[in-house]
Amino acid sequence: MKKISIFLICLAITLIATIIAVGFFRENSDLVSPASLSSNVLGLNQWFPVFEEDQYINSPKITAKSALFVDSTSGQVLFDKNSKDKLPIASLTKVMTVLIALEHKDLNDQMLVSDKASNMEPDKMLLIAEEKLTLKELLYGIFLISANDGAEVLAERSTGSREEFLRLMNDKARQLGMEDSLFVNPTGLDEDMGSSYSSAYDLVLLTRYLIKHFPQVVDISKTEHIVLPETVDHQAYDMYSGINLLTTYPGVVGFKTGFTPEAGFTLITLARENGHEVIGVMLGSENRREEAKELLDYSFTKL
C-alpha cells in the first residue's frame, strides 16, 4: 500500500507540474514567433571572432568610423577599429532580410509584388505591382543594385506578415549574439522613428552565418551582370552590380554595399585568396573602395 501511495503522489505532482507548464506556455505564447518554429530555421551561432591584444598598432589609417576584418575559418581578427560601436548601417540591413527570407522560403518560390513595394525609393529594380518573381530573382536585385522594392517584397511575402518578418529579424539578431543591433525595416532606409543600427562586429557574425548556411548567396552576390528574361509573370530585368571591388580587386566574391546620408558609405566585402577567406566590414567610410583594398591587402599579409 505504501508503494502505491508514493506512486500516486508522484503521479499527482507530475500532472500538476504539466498543467502549470502548459498554462505558462499559453500565456506567453506571444514570446515565441510561430515562423521561428519552421524546420528551415537554423540554430544558434557558434562562431565568434578572436581578438589579439595590441596586434593592430601599425595597421592602415582609415576614415571609416568602424571596421573589422576577420579570417572566416579561424576567427582571427586581422584588423579592428571601433568594431563594437553602434552605427547606422544603411543597406547592409538587407543581409539580415535575405537570411530571414531564406530560412522561410525556397529559392524558386514565387512572390507577389504589392503596390507598396513597387513604389519604394530610391534604389529599385522597378518592380511592377502584381508581378511575380522568384526569391532567387529578387536576391539578384538586392545584391546587385540594393533594390529596396525587392527587399520589401521579401518582408511582405516570406512569413505571415511584414510585422512578423521584422520581429524575426530582431529575434535572429539576438540568436546570433548580435548584441548591438536593431532592425526597424527590411531596407536600411532612414526613418523618422529612427534608423536600423548595428556594429562591424555584429555584421561579421551575420555575414559569416549567412554564407556558411546558404552558400548560394555568394554566387549571387559575385554576379557582375545578369538579365532576367521576360516571363508570363514579370517583365525583363537587366542589372549590373554596384560592387566595384568585383572588377578591381582579384579574389573579391561580393558581398554588399550601402549608403544613406546618415550612415555614409558602408560595406561588407568577402574575399578569397590562397585557401583563406576574409570577411570585412566598414561603416561610415569616406573612401570605401580604396580603404577596402588597403585593408584586404593588409589582412591577407597576416594570414
C-alpha atoms as a PDB file:
ATOM      1  CA  MET A   1       0.000   0.000   0.000  1.00  0.00           C
ATOM      2  CA  LYS A   2       2.840   2.388   0.899  1.00  0.00           C
ATOM      3  CA  LYS A   3       4.427   1.901  -2.584  1.00  0.00           C
ATOM      4  CA  ILE A   4       1.079   2.586  -4.277  1.00  0.00           C
ATOM      5  CA  SER A   5       0.583   5.759  -2.233  1.00  0.00           C
ATOM      6  CA  ILE A   6       4.059   7.069  -3.137  1.00  0.00           C
ATOM      7  CA  PHE A   7       3.375   6.308  -6.797  1.00  0.00           C
ATOM      8  CA  LEU A   8       0.056   8.177  -6.720  1.00  0.00           C
ATOM      9  CA  ILE A   9       1.679  11.191  -5.026  1.00  0.00           C
ATOM     10  CA  CYS A  10       4.442  11.321  -7.660  1.00  0.00           C
ATOM     11  CA  LEU A  11       1.857  10.998 -10.428  1.00  0.00           C
ATOM     12  CA  ALA A  12      -0.187  13.853  -8.980  1.00  0.00           C
ATOM     13  CA  ILE A  13       2.887  16.098  -8.710  1.00  0.00           C
ATOM     14  CA  THR A  14       3.797  15.356 -12.342  1.00  0.00           C
ATOM     15  CA  LEU A  15       0.266  16.171 -13.546  1.00  0.00           C
ATOM     16  CA  ILE A  16       0.214  19.458 -11.618  1.00  0.00           C
ATOM     17  CA  ALA A  17       3.620  20.468 -12.999  1.00  0.00           C
ATOM     18  CA  THR A  18       2.479  19.677 -16.548  1.00  0.00           C
ATOM     19  CA  ILE A  19      -0.685  21.762 -16.152  1.00  0.00           C
ATOM     20  CA  ILE A  20       1.315  24.712 -14.839  1.00  0.00           C
ATOM     21  CA  ALA A  21       3.846  24.456 -17.674  1.00  0.00           C
ATOM     22  CA  VAL A  22       1.132  24.284 -20.351  1.00  0.00           C
ATOM     23  CA  GLY A  23      -0.646  27.266 -18.815  1.00  0.00           C
ATOM     24  CA  PHE A  24       2.579  29.283 -18.749  1.00  0.00           C
ATOM     25  CA  PHE A  25       3.309  28.492 -22.372  1.00  0.00           C
ATOM     26  CA  ARG A  26      -0.182  29.513 -23.457  1.00  0.00           C
ATOM     27  CA  GLU A  27       0.006  32.778 -21.523  1.00  0.00           C
ATOM     28  CA  ASN A  28       3.421  33.549 -23.004  1.00  0.00           C
ATOM     29  CA  SER A  29       2.942  32.113 -26.467  1.00  0.00           C
ATOM     30  CA  ASP A  30       3.427  35.592 -27.946  1.00  0.00           C
ATOM     31  CA  LEU A  31       7.074  35.327 -26.897  1.00  0.00           C
ATOM     32  CA  VAL A  32       7.612  32.613 -29.498  1.00  0.00           C
ATOM     33  CA  SER A  33       7.281  33.591 -33.136  1.00  0.00           C
ATOM     34  CA  PRO A  34       5.317  30.879 -34.994  1.00  0.00           C
ATOM     35  CA  ALA A  35       7.538  31.310 -38.055  1.00  0.00           C
ATOM     36  CA  SER A  36      10.633  30.633 -35.962  1.00  0.00           C
ATOM     37  CA  LEU A  37       9.351  27.085 -35.382  1.00  0.00           C
ATOM     38  CA  SER A  38       9.799  26.268 -39.082  1.00  0.00           C
ATOM     39  CA  SER A  39      12.062  23.314 -39.802  1.00  0.00           C
ATOM     40  CA  ASN A  40      14.146  25.588 -42.044  1.00  0.00           C
ATOM     41  CA  VAL A  41      15.115  27.934 -39.216  1.00  0.00           C
ATOM     42  CA  LEU A  42      18.655  27.195 -38.132  1.00  0.00           C
ATOM     43  CA  GLY A  43      20.233  27.101 -34.697  1.00  0.00           C
ATOM     44  CA  LEU A  44      22.443  29.355 -32.655  1.00  0.00           C
ATOM     45  CA  ASN A  45      25.665  30.857 -33.948  1.00  0.00           C
ATOM     46  CA  GLN A  46      28.699  29.063 -32.504  1.00  0.00           C
ATOM     47  CA  TRP A  47      31.473  31.045 -34.211  1.00  0.00           C
ATOM     48  CA  PHE A  48      32.913  34.293 -32.883  1.00  0.00           C
ATOM     49  CA  PRO A  49      35.948  36.438 -33.806  1.00  0.00           C
ATOM     50  CA  VAL A  50      39.131  36.046 -31.757  1.00  0.00           C
ATOM     51  CA  PHE A  51      40.837  39.316 -30.813  1.00  0.00           C
ATOM     52  CA  GLU A  52      44.558  39.586 -30.141  1.00  0.00           C
ATOM     53  CA  GLU A  53      45.830  42.377 -27.902  1.00  0.00           C
ATOM     54  CA  ASP A  54      47.951  45.123 -29.487  1.00  0.00           C
ATOM     55  CA  GLN A  55      48.043  43.486 -32.908  1.00  0.00           C
ATOM     56  CA  TYR A  56      46.708  46.462 -34.888  1.00  0.00           C
ATOM     57  CA  ILE A  57      49.094  49.259 -33.824  1.00  0.00           C
ATOM     58  CA  ASN A  58      50.822  49.557 -37.228  1.00  0.00           C
ATOM     59  CA  SER A  59      47.691  48.898 -39.265  1.00  0.00           C
ATOM     60  CA  PRO A  60      46.370  51.195 -42.034  1.00  0.00           C
ATOM     61  CA  LYS A  61      44.766  54.512 -41.081  1.00  0.00           C
ATOM     62  CA  ILE A  62      41.259  54.824 -42.474  1.00  0.00           C
ATOM     63  CA  THR A  63      38.438  57.357 -42.466  1.00  0.00           C
ATOM     64  CA  ALA A  64      35.831  54.711 -41.669  1.00  0.00           C
ATOM     65  CA  LYS A  65      34.318  55.181 -38.224  1.00  0.00           C
ATOM     66  CA  SER A  66      34.364  51.442 -37.617  1.00  0.00           C
ATOM     67  CA  ALA A  67      35.805  48.361 -39.304  1.00  0.00           C
ATOM     68  CA  LEU A  68      36.511  44.691 -38.690  1.00  0.00           C
ATOM     69  CA  PHE A  69      38.314  42.213 -40.974  1.00  0.00           C
ATOM     70  CA  VAL A  70      38.344  38.555 -39.930  1.00  0.00           C
ATOM     71  CA  ASP A  71      39.526  35.143 -41.152  1.00  0.00           C
ATOM     72  CA  SER A  72      36.185  33.358 -41.564  1.00  0.00           C
ATOM     73  CA  THR A  73      37.620  29.947 -40.652  1.00  0.00           C
ATOM     74  CA  SER A  74      39.782  30.541 -37.600  1.00  0.00           C
ATOM     75  CA  GLY A  75      38.007  33.667 -36.446  1.00  0.00           C
ATOM     76  CA  GLN A  76      41.333  35.513 -36.219  1.00  0.00           C
ATOM     77  CA  VAL A  77      40.764  39.253 -36.190  1.00  0.00           C
ATOM     78  CA  LEU A  78      43.048  40.797 -38.812  1.00  0.00           C
ATOM     79  CA  PHE A  79      42.028  44.442 -38.415  1.00  0.00           C
ATOM     80  CA  ASP A  80      39.894  46.193 -35.840  1.00  0.00           C
ATOM     81  CA  LYS A  81      38.748  49.779 -35.412  1.00  0.00           C
ATOM     82  CA  ASN A  82      35.887  50.513 -33.016  1.00  0.00           C
ATOM     83  CA  SER A  83      34.253  47.295 -34.177  1.00  0.00           C
ATOM     84  CA  LYS A  84      31.622  47.214 -31.443  1.00  0.00           C
ATOM     85  CA  ASP A  85      30.411  50.803 -31.889  1.00  0.00           C
ATOM     86  CA  LYS A  86      26.695  51.063 -32.693  1.00  0.00           C
ATOM     87  CA  LEU A  87      26.278  52.868 -36.019  1.00  0.00           C
ATOM     88  CA  PRO A  88      23.684  53.226 -38.800  1.00  0.00           C
ATOM     89  CA  ILE A  89      24.374  50.642 -41.493  1.00  0.00           C
ATOM     90  CA  ALA A  90      22.194  51.643 -44.475  1.00  0.00           C
ATOM     91  CA  SER A  91      21.552  48.785 -46.928  1.00  0.00           C
ATOM     92  CA  LEU A  92      23.731  46.302 -45.055  1.00  0.00           C
ATOM     93  CA  THR A  93      20.418  45.732 -43.257  1.00  0.00           C
ATOM     94  CA  LYS A  94      19.383  43.703 -46.293  1.00  0.00           C
ATOM     95  CA  VAL A  95      21.812  40.919 -45.356  1.00  0.00           C
ATOM     96  CA  MET A  96      19.529  40.100 -42.422  1.00  0.00           C
ATOM     97  CA  THR A  97      16.497  40.498 -44.698  1.00  0.00           C
ATOM     98  CA  VAL A  98      17.975  37.899 -47.042  1.00  0.00           C
ATOM     99  CA  LEU A  99      18.736  35.491 -44.198  1.00  0.00           C
ATOM    100  CA  ILE A 100      15.185  35.572 -42.830  1.00  0.00           C
ATOM    101  CA  ALA A 101      13.725  35.079 -46.301  1.00  0.00           C
ATOM    102  CA  LEU A 102      15.981  32.089 -46.998  1.00  0.00           C
ATOM    103  CA  GLU A 103      15.057  30.490 -43.679  1.00  0.00           C
ATOM    104  CA  HIS A 104      11.386  30.518 -44.646  1.00  0.00           C
ATOM    105  CA  LYS A 105      11.262  30.259 -48.433  1.00  0.00           C
ATOM    106  CA  ASP A 106      12.926  28.237 -51.195  1.00  0.00           C
ATOM    107  CA  LEU A 107      14.833  29.999 -53.962  1.00  0.00           C
ATOM    108  CA  ASN A 108      12.226  29.036 -56.561  1.00  0.00           C
ATOM    109  CA  ASP A 109       9.220  30.185 -54.526  1.00  0.00           C
ATOM    110  CA  GLN A 110       7.317  32.952 -56.284  1.00  0.00           C
ATOM    111  CA  MET A 111       6.446  36.210 -54.531  1.00  0.00           C
ATOM    112  CA  LEU A 112       3.760  38.701 -55.479  1.00  0.00           C
ATOM    113  CA  VAL A 113       4.771  42.363 -55.762  1.00  0.00           C
ATOM    114  CA  SER A 114       2.481  44.706 -53.836  1.00  0.00           C
ATOM    115  CA  ASP A 115       1.703  48.283 -54.773  1.00  0.00           C
ATOM    116  CA  LYS A 116       3.593  49.458 -51.680  1.00  0.00           C
ATOM    117  CA  ALA A 117       6.707  47.503 -52.620  1.00  0.00           C
ATOM    118  CA  SER A 118       6.643  48.737 -56.219  1.00  0.00           C
ATOM    119  CA  ASN A 119       6.699  52.341 -55.005  1.00  0.00           C
ATOM    120  CA  MET A 120       9.808  52.006 -52.839  1.00  0.00           C
ATOM    121  CA  GLU A 121      12.602  54.515 -53.492  1.00  0.00           C
ATOM    122  CA  PRO A 122      15.344  55.290 -54.343  1.00  0.00           C
ATOM    123  CA  ASP A 123      17.351  52.183 -55.401  1.00  0.00           C
ATOM    124  CA  LYS A 124      14.992  49.751 -57.045  1.00  0.00           C
ATOM    125  CA  MET A 125      14.501  47.057 -59.646  1.00  0.00           C
ATOM    126  CA  LEU A 126      11.474  48.986 -60.965  1.00  0.00           C
ATOM    127  CA  LEU A 127       9.156  46.177 -59.977  1.00  0.00           C
ATOM    128  CA  ILE A 128       5.547  46.452 -61.147  1.00  0.00           C
ATOM    129  CA  ALA A 129       2.639  45.723 -58.814  1.00  0.00           C
ATOM    130  CA  GLU A 130       1.062  42.281 -59.358  1.00  0.00           C
ATOM    131  CA  GLU A 131       4.210  40.845 -60.930  1.00  0.00           C
ATOM    132  CA  LYS A 132       5.528  37.576 -59.540  1.00  0.00           C
ATOM    133  CA  LEU A 133       9.252  36.901 -59.149  1.00  0.00           C
ATOM    134  CA  THR A 134      11.087  34.038 -57.506  1.00  0.00           C
ATOM    135  CA  LEU A 135      13.069  34.595 -54.341  1.00  0.00           C
ATOM    136  CA  LYS A 136      16.263  33.987 -56.327  1.00  0.00           C
ATOM    137  CA  GLU A 137      15.357  36.650 -58.880  1.00  0.00           C
ATOM    138  CA  LEU A 138      14.691  39.148 -56.109  1.00  0.00           C
ATOM    139  CA  LEU A 139      18.028  38.300 -54.474  1.00  0.00           C
ATOM    140  CA  TYR A 140      19.826  39.339 -57.655  1.00  0.00           C
ATOM    141  CA  GLY A 141      18.131  42.713 -57.381  1.00  0.00           C
ATOM    142  CA  ILE A 142      19.037  43.070 -53.714  1.00  0.00           C
ATOM    143  CA  PHE A 143      22.719  42.165 -54.101  1.00  0.00           C
ATOM    144  CA  LEU A 144      23.434  43.800 -57.455  1.00  0.00           C
ATOM    145  CA  ILE A 145      21.532  47.084 -57.154  1.00  0.00           C
ATOM    146  CA  SER A 146      20.455  47.081 -53.485  1.00  0.00           C
ATOM    147  CA  ALA A 147      16.813  47.035 -54.537  1.00  0.00           C
ATOM    148  CA  ASN A 148      14.552  48.440 -51.845  1.00  0.00           C
ATOM    149  CA  ASP A 149      11.453  47.272 -53.704  1.00  0.00           C
ATOM    150  CA  GLY A 150      12.834  43.723 -53.735  1.00  0.00           C
ATOM    151  CA  ALA A 151      13.597  43.840 -50.008  1.00  0.00           C
ATOM    152  CA  GLU A 152      10.037  44.983 -49.287  1.00  0.00           C
ATOM    153  CA  VAL A 153       8.624  42.049 -51.253  1.00  0.00           C
ATOM    154  CA  LEU A 154      10.721  39.662 -49.163  1.00  0.00           C
ATOM    155  CA  ALA A 155       9.433  41.232 -45.951  1.00  0.00           C
ATOM    156  CA  GLU A 156       5.813  41.075 -47.078  1.00  0.00           C
ATOM    157  CA  ARG A 157       5.804  37.556 -48.538  1.00  0.00           C
ATOM    158  CA  SER A 158       8.337  35.389 -46.687  1.00  0.00           C
ATOM    159  CA  THR A 159       6.396  34.972 -43.436  1.00  0.00           C
ATOM    160  CA  GLY A 160       2.912  35.705 -42.130  1.00  0.00           C
ATOM    161  CA  SER A 161       3.239  39.481 -42.354  1.00  0.00           C
ATOM    162  CA  ARG A 162       5.717  42.332 -42.625  1.00  0.00           C
ATOM    163  CA  GLU A 163       5.447  42.871 -38.865  1.00  0.00           C
ATOM    164  CA  GLU A 164       6.230  39.216 -38.255  1.00  0.00           C
ATOM    165  CA  PHE A 165       9.224  39.468 -40.586  1.00  0.00           C
ATOM    166  CA  LEU A 166      10.672  42.468 -38.722  1.00  0.00           C
ATOM    167  CA  ARG A 167      10.209  40.668 -35.419  1.00  0.00           C
ATOM    168  CA  LEU A 168      12.094  37.688 -36.818  1.00  0.00           C
ATOM    169  CA  MET A 169      14.954  39.937 -37.965  1.00  0.00           C
ATOM    170  CA  ASN A 170      15.484  41.120 -34.400  1.00  0.00           C
ATOM    171  CA  ASP A 171      14.893  37.661 -32.923  1.00  0.00           C
ATOM    172  CA  LYS A 172      17.591  36.317 -35.244  1.00  0.00           C
ATOM    173  CA  ALA A 173      19.998  39.066 -34.232  1.00  0.00           C
ATOM    174  CA  ARG A 174      19.683  38.020 -30.592  1.00  0.00           C
ATOM    175  CA  GLN A 175      20.023  34.354 -31.549  1.00  0.00           C
ATOM    176  CA  LEU A 176      23.290  35.054 -33.382  1.00  0.00           C
ATOM    177  CA  GLY A 177      24.775  37.029 -30.498  1.00  0.00           C
ATOM    178  CA  MET A 178      24.366  40.387 -32.261  1.00  0.00           C
ATOM    179  CA  GLU A 179      24.028  42.401 -29.067  1.00  0.00           C
ATOM    180  CA  ASP A 180      24.450  45.840 -30.658  1.00  0.00           C
ATOM    181  CA  SER A 181      21.884  45.628 -33.451  1.00  0.00           C
ATOM    182  CA  LEU A 182      18.322  46.784 -34.116  1.00  0.00           C
ATOM    183  CA  PHE A 183      16.344  46.478 -37.336  1.00  0.00           C
ATOM    184  CA  VAL A 184      13.393  48.816 -37.955  1.00  0.00           C
ATOM    185  CA  ASN A 185      12.747  47.946 -41.604  1.00  0.00           C
ATOM    186  CA  PRO A 186      13.961  45.457 -44.242  1.00  0.00           C
ATOM    187  CA  THR A 187      15.749  48.052 -46.405  1.00  0.00           C
ATOM    188  CA  GLY A 188      18.063  50.087 -44.166  1.00  0.00           C
ATOM    189  CA  LEU A 189      16.494  53.380 -45.222  1.00  0.00           C
ATOM    190  CA  ASP A 190      16.484  56.146 -42.604  1.00  0.00           C
ATOM    191  CA  GLU A 191      13.094  56.659 -40.979  1.00  0.00           C
ATOM    192  CA  ASP A 192      11.587  59.369 -38.758  1.00  0.00           C
ATOM    193  CA  MET A 193      11.237  56.878 -35.918  1.00  0.00           C
ATOM    194  CA  GLY A 194      14.928  56.000 -36.137  1.00  0.00           C
ATOM    195  CA  SER A 195      17.301  54.010 -38.304  1.00  0.00           C
ATOM    196  CA  SER A 196      18.447  50.431 -38.134  1.00  0.00           C
ATOM    197  CA  TYR A 197      21.831  50.160 -36.499  1.00  0.00           C
ATOM    198  CA  SER A 198      24.467  47.535 -35.884  1.00  0.00           C
ATOM    199  CA  SER A 199      28.220  47.193 -35.418  1.00  0.00           C
ATOM    200  CA  ALA A 200      31.024  45.912 -37.597  1.00  0.00           C
ATOM    201  CA  TYR A 201      31.397  43.017 -35.141  1.00  0.00           C
ATOM    202  CA  ASP A 202      27.722  42.060 -35.383  1.00  0.00           C
ATOM    203  CA  LEU A 203      27.732  42.277 -39.174  1.00  0.00           C
ATOM    204  CA  VAL A 204      30.701  39.914 -39.392  1.00  0.00           C
ATOM    205  CA  LEU A 205      28.715  37.400 -37.311  1.00  0.00           C
ATOM    206  CA  LEU A 206      25.693  37.810 -39.574  1.00  0.00           C
ATOM    207  CA  THR A 207      27.609  37.569 -42.849  1.00  0.00           C
ATOM    208  CA  ARG A 208      29.610  34.533 -41.837  1.00  0.00           C
ATOM    209  CA  TYR A 209      26.460  32.769 -40.640  1.00  0.00           C
ATOM    210  CA  LEU A 210      24.607  33.518 -43.875  1.00  0.00           C
ATOM    211  CA  ILE A 211      27.336  32.385 -46.272  1.00  0.00           C
ATOM    212  CA  LYS A 212      28.047  29.185 -44.329  1.00  0.00           C
ATOM    213  CA  HIS A 213      24.401  28.105 -44.186  1.00  0.00           C
ATOM    214  CA  PHE A 214      23.308  29.486 -47.564  1.00  0.00           C
ATOM    215  CA  PRO A 215      26.448  29.466 -49.764  1.00  0.00           C
ATOM    216  CA  GLN A 216      24.355  30.052 -52.876  1.00  0.00           C
ATOM    217  CA  VAL A 217      24.133  33.738 -51.943  1.00  0.00           C
ATOM    218  CA  VAL A 218      27.857  34.081 -52.674  1.00  0.00           C
ATOM    219  CA  ASP A 219      27.279  33.056 -56.294  1.00  0.00           C
ATOM    220  CA  ILE A 220      24.503  35.637 -56.495  1.00  0.00           C
ATOM    221  CA  SER A 221      26.488  38.442 -54.844  1.00  0.00           C
ATOM    222  CA  LYS A 222      29.530  37.926 -57.086  1.00  0.00           C
ATOM    223  CA  THR A 223      27.468  38.259 -60.276  1.00  0.00           C
ATOM    224  CA  GLU A 224      28.622  41.313 -62.236  1.00  0.00           C
ATOM    225  CA  HIS A 225      25.714  41.427 -64.688  1.00  0.00           C
ATOM    226  CA  ILE A 226      22.517  39.483 -65.220  1.00  0.00           C
ATOM    227  CA  VAL A 227      19.494  39.612 -67.488  1.00  0.00           C
ATOM    228  CA  LEU A 228      16.272  38.126 -66.150  1.00  0.00           C
ATOM    229  CA  PRO A 229      14.231  37.443 -69.314  1.00  0.00           C
ATOM    230  CA  GLU A 230      10.579  38.378 -69.575  1.00  0.00           C
ATOM    231  CA  THR A 231       8.131  35.680 -68.493  1.00  0.00           C
ATOM    232  CA  VAL A 232       4.372  35.404 -68.215  1.00  0.00           C
ATOM    233  CA  ASP A 233       4.785  36.560 -64.607  1.00  0.00           C
ATOM    234  CA  HIS A 234       7.133  39.541 -64.950  1.00  0.00           C
ATOM    235  CA  GLN A 235       8.899  41.950 -67.284  1.00  0.00           C
ATOM    236  CA  ALA A 236      12.566  41.602 -68.248  1.00  0.00           C
ATOM    237  CA  TYR A 237      15.267  42.905 -65.880  1.00  0.00           C
ATOM    238  CA  ASP A 238      18.821  43.918 -66.822  1.00  0.00           C
ATOM    239  CA  MET A 239      21.056  44.569 -63.797  1.00  0.00           C
ATOM    240  CA  TYR A 240      24.724  45.427 -63.206  1.00  0.00           C
ATOM    241  CA  SER A 241      26.441  45.041 -59.844  1.00  0.00           C
ATOM    242  CA  GLY A 242      27.288  48.145 -57.837  1.00  0.00           C
ATOM    243  CA  ILE A 243      30.149  46.341 -56.054  1.00  0.00           C
ATOM    244  CA  ASN A 244      33.158  47.937 -57.724  1.00  0.00           C
ATOM    245  CA  LEU A 245      35.625  45.622 -55.973  1.00  0.00           C
ATOM    246  CA  LEU A 246      34.371  42.676 -58.056  1.00  0.00           C
ATOM    247  CA  THR A 247      36.302  44.048 -61.025  1.00  0.00           C
ATOM    248  CA  THR A 248      39.093  45.948 -59.272  1.00  0.00           C
ATOM    249  CA  TYR A 249      40.331  43.542 -56.575  1.00  0.00           C
ATOM    250  CA  PRO A 250      41.168  39.927 -57.535  1.00  0.00           C
ATOM    251  CA  GLY A 251      39.647  37.465 -55.109  1.00  0.00           C
ATOM    252  CA  VAL A 252      36.616  39.527 -54.080  1.00  0.00           C
ATOM    253  CA  VAL A 253      33.423  37.480 -54.416  1.00  0.00           C
ATOM    254  CA  GLY A 254      30.832  40.007 -53.184  1.00  0.00           C
ATOM    255  CA  PHE A 255      29.171  40.974 -50.833  1.00  0.00           C
ATOM    256  CA  LYS A 256      27.052  44.106 -50.059  1.00  0.00           C
ATOM    257  CA  THR A 257      27.312  47.881 -50.203  1.00  0.00           C
ATOM    258  CA  GLY A 258      25.202  50.576 -48.594  1.00  0.00           C
ATOM    259  CA  PHE A 259      24.750  54.331 -48.327  1.00  0.00           C
ATOM    260  CA  THR A 260      22.441  56.825 -46.677  1.00  0.00           C
ATOM    261  CA  PRO A 261      23.239  60.409 -45.650  1.00  0.00           C
ATOM    262  CA  GLU A 262      23.159  59.347 -42.004  1.00  0.00           C
ATOM    263  CA  ALA A 263      25.234  56.160 -42.362  1.00  0.00           C
ATOM    264  CA  GLY A 264      27.671  57.355 -45.000  1.00  0.00           C
ATOM    265  CA  PHE A 265      29.318  54.695 -47.159  1.00  0.00           C
ATOM    266  CA  THR A 266      29.106  51.191 -45.722  1.00  0.00           C
ATOM    267  CA  LEU A 267      30.465  47.891 -46.985  1.00  0.00           C
ATOM    268  CA  ILE A 268      30.622  44.177 -46.351  1.00  0.00           C
ATOM    269  CA  THR A 269      33.264  42.512 -48.510  1.00  0.00           C
ATOM    270  CA  LEU A 270      34.101  38.848 -48.982  1.00  0.00           C
ATOM    271  CA  ALA A 271      37.440  37.837 -50.492  1.00  0.00           C
ATOM    272  CA  ARG A 272      39.224  34.520 -51.055  1.00  0.00           C
ATOM    273  CA  GLU A 273      42.935  34.030 -51.659  1.00  0.00           C
ATOM    274  CA  ASN A 274      45.336  31.075 -51.249  1.00  0.00           C
ATOM    275  CA  GLY A 275      42.778  28.992 -49.396  1.00  0.00           C
ATOM    276  CA  HIS A 276      41.861  31.802 -46.994  1.00  0.00           C
ATOM    277  CA  GLU A 277      38.537  33.619 -46.775  1.00  0.00           C
ATOM    278  CA  VAL A 278      38.288  37.105 -45.289  1.00  0.00           C
ATOM    279  CA  ILE A 279      35.096  38.876 -44.260  1.00  0.00           C
ATOM    280  CA  GLY A 280      35.470  42.631 -43.902  1.00  0.00           C
ATOM    281  CA  VAL A 281      33.033  45.287 -42.698  1.00  0.00           C
ATOM    282  CA  MET A 282      33.433  49.064 -42.872  1.00  0.00           C
ATOM    283  CA  LEU A 283      30.947  51.635 -41.556  1.00  0.00           C
ATOM    284  CA  GLY A 284      30.951  55.369 -42.170  1.00  0.00           C
ATOM    285  CA  SER A 285      33.796  55.424 -44.679  1.00  0.00           C
ATOM    286  CA  GLU A 286      34.639  58.439 -46.853  1.00  0.00           C
ATOM    287  CA  ASN A 287      36.624  56.360 -49.347  1.00  0.00           C
ATOM    288  CA  ARG A 288      35.077  52.917 -49.271  1.00  0.00           C
ATOM    289  CA  ARG A 289      36.721  51.297 -52.281  1.00  0.00           C
ATOM    290  CA  GLU A 290      40.336  52.345 -51.652  1.00  0.00           C
ATOM    291  CA  GLU A 291      40.162  51.670 -47.926  1.00  0.00           C
ATOM    292  CA  ALA A 292      38.689  48.231 -48.562  1.00  0.00           C
ATOM    293  CA  LYS A 293      41.557  47.409 -50.938  1.00  0.00           C
ATOM    294  CA  GLU A 294      44.104  48.589 -48.385  1.00  0.00           C
ATOM    295  CA  LEU A 295      42.558  46.566 -45.580  1.00  0.00           C
ATOM    296  CA  LEU A 296      42.276  43.435 -47.726  1.00  0.00           C
ATOM    297  CA  ASP A 297      45.959  43.718 -48.672  1.00  0.00           C
ATOM    298  CA  TYR A 298      46.841  44.176 -45.026  1.00  0.00           C
ATOM    299  CA  SER A 299      44.616  41.283 -43.907  1.00  0.00           C
ATOM    300  CA  PHE A 300      45.998  38.737 -46.360  1.00  0.00           C
ATOM    301  CA  THR A 301      49.590  39.578 -45.417  1.00  0.00           C
ATOM    302  CA  LYS A 302      48.728  38.457 -41.866  1.00  0.00           C
ATOM    303  CA  LEU A 303      47.485  35.030 -42.963  1.00  0.00           C
END
